[in-house]
Amino acid sequence: MSVKVQHNDFIIEEVDPTDQDIIATIGRLRFKVWEEEGEIDPSLFPDKIWLDTHDPISRHWIVYKKDDDKKEIVACARLTVHDTLSDSVDGYIWMKHGLHLNGPVSNISKLVVDKPARRTGIASMLNKLRVDAAKKMGAACVTSTASDINTKLLVEKSGFRDTGYTIFFPNRPNVPFHIIELVF
């Protein structure tokens, strides 16, 4: 997991999903960013950590400032790859709407960028790294349930298609998520 990419004043690094300290730090950053934006129901996260059952089997990228010896994480993102749409993260949403995708199906999710690190191109770079990784892993497509901002990035810069469907999740009840996909 030692692959590092420099982007402006930041280092993007893929991390080991079995490193419980890093994964917990990722979970705390997710909670912090989404709580500050008023997008979550904090009562669902009493420990102030947002992790789920997909995290241990996912690929994760973190971002920290180039000159930060402590590697304080300012952004992170996740990728999963599954044999079929029905096995994939949020695949049930595609199936509910009668949308079909051939496998392997990858999913990009849990992209967060802390406010001080925004508008630096980090989100676009994380999206590119994850799409490239999905291709290298042999995925036939990439799915995402993305916020308005990330949908715009993924459609305009990465060629994703907005299916026209949205969903609201109970843990982020104030945020419409667009059902988007990229077929290779």
Protein backbone atom coordinates (compact mmCIF):
# COMPACT_ATOMS: atom_id res chain seq x y z
CA MET A 1 0.00 0.00 0.00
CA SER A 2 2.95 2.33 -0.39
CA VAL A 3 1.73 4.02 -3.60
CA LYS A 4 1.75 7.77 -3.06
CA VAL A 5 0.75 10.53 -5.45
CA GLN A 6 1.59 14.18 -4.98
CA HIS A 7 -1.12 16.68 -5.87
CA ASN A 8 -0.25 20.34 -5.32
CA ASP A 9 0.62 20.62 -1.60
CA PHE A 10 -0.90 17.25 -0.73
CA ILE A 11 0.05 13.59 -0.71
CA ILE A 12 -2.56 11.00 -1.67
CA GLU A 13 -1.82 7.54 -0.34
CA GLU A 14 -3.63 4.25 -0.51
CA VAL A 15 -3.84 2.65 2.92
CA ASP A 16 -4.29 -0.84 4.29
CA PRO A 17 -7.95 -1.50 5.21
CA THR A 18 -6.82 -3.75 8.05
CA ASP A 19 -5.01 -0.85 9.77
CA GLN A 20 -7.64 -0.20 12.43
CA ASP A 21 -6.11 3.11 13.53
CA ILE A 22 -6.20 4.61 10.04
CA ILE A 23 -9.68 3.25 9.33
CA ALA A 24 -10.95 4.72 12.63
CA THR A 25 -9.38 8.07 11.68
CA ILE A 26 -11.16 7.89 8.32
CA GLY A 27 -14.43 7.19 10.15
CA ARG A 28 -13.92 10.20 12.42
CA LEU A 29 -13.21 12.47 9.44
CA ARG A 30 -16.36 11.28 7.66
CA PHE A 31 -18.46 12.03 10.74
CA LYS A 32 -16.81 15.42 11.34
CA VAL A 33 -17.23 16.67 7.76
CA TRP A 34 -20.81 15.48 7.34
CA GLU A 35 -21.85 16.69 10.80
CA GLU A 36 -20.37 20.16 10.14
CA GLU A 37 -22.42 20.30 6.95
CA GLY A 38 -25.58 19.36 8.87
CA GLU A 39 -26.05 16.36 6.63
CA ILE A 40 -26.31 13.51 9.13
CA ASP A 41 -28.37 12.31 12.01
CA PRO A 42 -25.67 12.34 14.73
CA SER A 43 -27.76 10.13 17.02
CA LEU A 44 -26.95 7.25 14.67
CA PHE A 45 -23.23 7.69 15.40
CA PRO A 46 -22.79 7.91 19.19
CA ASP A 47 -19.04 7.23 18.92
CA LYS A 48 -18.67 9.96 16.24
CA ILE A 49 -17.18 7.46 13.80
CA TRP A 50 -18.80 6.61 10.45
CA LEU A 51 -17.72 3.13 9.37
CA ASP A 52 -19.69 0.31 7.79
CA THR A 53 -19.35 -3.35 6.90
CA HIS A 54 -17.74 -2.55 3.54
CA ASP A 55 -14.74 -0.71 5.01
CA PRO A 56 -12.68 -3.82 5.90
CA ILE A 57 -12.98 -5.16 2.32
CA SER A 58 -12.49 -1.87 0.50
CA ARG A 59 -9.62 0.07 -0.97
CA HIS A 60 -9.09 3.40 0.79
CA TRP A 61 -7.15 6.54 -0.08
CA ILE A 62 -6.19 9.27 2.36
CA VAL A 63 -4.87 12.77 1.73
CA TYR A 64 -2.58 14.80 3.95
CA LYS A 65 -0.45 17.90 3.55
CA LYS A 66 2.93 17.30 1.93
CA ASP A 67 4.95 18.72 4.84
CA ASP A 68 2.83 17.20 7.64
CA ASP A 69 4.95 14.65 9.53
CA LYS A 70 1.88 13.59 11.52
CA LYS A 71 -0.05 12.83 8.32
CA GLU A 72 -3.24 14.50 9.56
CA ILE A 73 -5.89 13.28 7.15
CA VAL A 74 -7.77 16.08 5.34
CA ALA A 75 -9.61 13.91 2.81
CA CYS A 76 -10.41 10.27 2.10
CA ALA A 77 -12.32 8.08 -0.33
CA ARG A 78 -13.27 4.44 -0.85
CA LEU A 79 -13.58 1.89 -3.68
CA THR A 80 -15.16 -1.56 -3.66
CA VAL A 81 -15.36 -4.15 -6.46
CA HIS A 82 -17.98 -6.92 -6.60
CA ASP A 83 -18.71 -9.79 -8.97
CA THR A 84 -22.30 -8.72 -9.66
CA LEU A 85 -24.56 -5.73 -9.32
CA SER A 86 -26.62 -7.49 -6.64
CA ASP A 87 -23.45 -7.96 -4.53
CA SER A 88 -22.30 -4.37 -4.91
CA VAL A 89 -22.65 -1.45 -2.54
CA ASP A 90 -26.01 0.17 -3.31
CA GLY A 91 -26.61 -2.30 -6.15
CA TYR A 92 -30.12 -2.79 -4.82
CA ILE A 93 -30.91 0.77 -5.91
CA TRP A 94 -30.06 0.03 -9.55
CA MET A 95 -32.09 -3.17 -9.38
CA LYS A 96 -35.08 -1.36 -7.82
CA HIS A 97 -35.17 0.95 -10.85
CA GLY A 98 -34.70 -1.85 -13.38
CA LEU A 99 -31.19 -0.72 -14.28
CA HIS A 100 -28.77 -3.48 -15.30
CA LEU A 101 -24.99 -3.45 -15.29
CA ASN A 102 -22.62 -6.28 -16.14
CA GLY A 103 -20.00 -7.26 -13.61
CA PRO A 104 -17.57 -6.95 -12.13
CA VAL A 105 -19.20 -3.84 -10.63
CA SER A 106 -17.14 -1.29 -8.74
CA ASN A 107 -18.50 1.39 -6.44
CA ILE A 108 -16.90 4.65 -5.35
CA SER A 109 -18.19 6.19 -2.15
CA LYS A 110 -17.43 7.95 1.11
CA LEU A 111 -15.52 10.83 -0.47
CA VAL A 112 -14.95 13.58 2.11
CA VAL A 113 -12.74 16.64 2.02
CA ASP A 114 -12.32 18.79 5.12
CA LYS A 115 -13.21 22.46 4.55
CA PRO A 116 -9.66 23.88 4.70
CA ALA A 117 -8.57 21.49 1.92
CA ARG A 118 -11.45 22.15 -0.47
CA ARG A 119 -11.19 23.77 -3.90
CA THR A 120 -7.73 22.29 -4.39
CA GLY A 121 -8.63 19.54 -6.87
CA ILE A 122 -8.38 16.77 -4.27
CA ALA A 123 -11.87 15.41 -4.91
CA SER A 124 -11.27 15.23 -8.67
CA MET A 125 -7.92 13.50 -8.12
CA LEU A 126 -9.45 10.96 -5.71
CA ASN A 127 -12.21 10.27 -8.24
CA LYS A 128 -9.64 9.75 -11.01
CA LEU A 129 -7.49 7.44 -8.87
CA ARG A 130 -10.50 5.33 -7.91
CA VAL A 131 -11.84 5.03 -11.46
CA ASP A 132 -8.36 4.11 -12.73
CA ALA A 133 -8.01 1.51 -9.95
CA ALA A 134 -11.42 0.01 -10.82
CA LYS A 135 -10.34 -0.35 -14.47
CA LYS A 136 -7.07 -2.02 -13.44
CA MET A 137 -9.03 -4.43 -11.24
CA GLY A 138 -11.08 -5.49 -14.26
CA ALA A 139 -14.36 -3.79 -13.37
CA ALA A 140 -16.87 -3.43 -16.20
CA CYS A 141 -18.38 -0.32 -14.63
CA VAL A 142 -18.35 2.08 -11.70
CA THR A 143 -21.43 3.01 -9.70
CA SER A 144 -21.92 5.78 -7.19
CA THR A 145 -24.64 7.40 -5.17
CA ALA A 146 -23.21 10.89 -5.18
CA SER A 147 -24.06 14.26 -3.70
CA ASP A 148 -24.88 17.17 -6.00
CA ILE A 149 -21.30 18.45 -5.91
CA ASN A 150 -19.64 15.11 -6.56
CA THR A 151 -22.20 14.22 -9.24
CA LYS A 152 -21.26 17.38 -11.10
CA LEU A 153 -17.54 16.49 -10.86
CA LEU A 154 -18.04 12.89 -11.94
CA VAL A 155 -20.35 13.71 -14.85
CA GLU A 156 -18.32 16.65 -16.17
CA LYS A 157 -14.79 15.39 -15.57
CA SER A 158 -15.01 11.59 -15.55
CA GLY A 159 -17.77 10.80 -18.01
CA PHE A 160 -20.31 9.37 -15.59
CA ARG A 161 -23.96 9.23 -16.65
CA ASP A 162 -26.67 10.47 -14.31
CA THR A 163 -29.48 7.89 -14.47
CA GLY A 164 -32.05 10.51 -13.45
CA TYR A 165 -32.81 8.76 -10.17
CA THR A 166 -32.06 10.05 -6.68
CA ILE A 167 -32.29 8.55 -3.22
CA PHE A 168 -32.27 9.84 0.35
CA PHE A 169 -30.54 7.67 2.96
CA PRO A 170 -31.76 7.57 6.61
CA ASN A 171 -28.29 8.43 7.96
CA ARG A 172 -28.04 11.54 5.71
CA PRO A 173 -31.71 12.51 5.40
CA ASN A 174 -31.15 16.04 4.05
CA VAL A 175 -28.96 15.10 1.09
CA PRO A 176 -30.26 13.89 -2.27
CA PHE A 177 -27.91 11.34 -3.80
CA HIS A 178 -27.83 10.92 -7.57
CA ILE A 179 -27.62 7.42 -8.98
CA ILE A 180 -24.73 7.66 -11.44
CA GLU A 181 -22.69 5.16 -13.43
CA LEU A 182 -19.74 4.83 -15.75
CA VAL A 183 -19.55 1.84 -18.09
CA PHE A 184 -16.14 0.96 -19.54
